Amino acid sequence: QVQLVESGGGLVQAGGSLSLSCQVSGFIVDPYSICWFRQAPGKEREGVAAISLYDDSTYYTESVKGRFTISRDSAKNTVILRMNSLKPEDTGVYYCAFSTTTVAIYDIFRYDMNYWGKGTLVTVSS
């Protein structure tokens, strides 16, 4: 069993920044990836960014490229999503997820995740 706890959400003005953290604990088996998803009100959940903890490869959905950065702090078993130049359309509940699927990181969102966090709300005001 793996537990994921997100933190760092909040209210920010457009153009601002936030950092989200995903604390990973439990029975962790390598290799694995950590993914960030978001769900805006009335919309389907979408994959935002992912990182392979095997080779540090990363992937971003087109709408966040150049603005979001995913990284890890191995000492703290934490994956961080740094979000800059936030837009109102970035508003939503952000979830981190754990995947043991061994595919190229740019394909990771095609597969089911093994574990999910409960999410953290990000609200970007215009």
Foldseek 3Di string as FASTA:
>chain_A
DKAWAKDWADEEAAQAKTKMKIQIDDDDDPWKKKWKWWDDVPGDIDTAKMATPVPRDMDGDPVQPPFWDWDDDVVRNMIMIIGGRDDQVVWGWMKMFMARDPDPNHCVRVDDTDDIYPTDTHGYHD
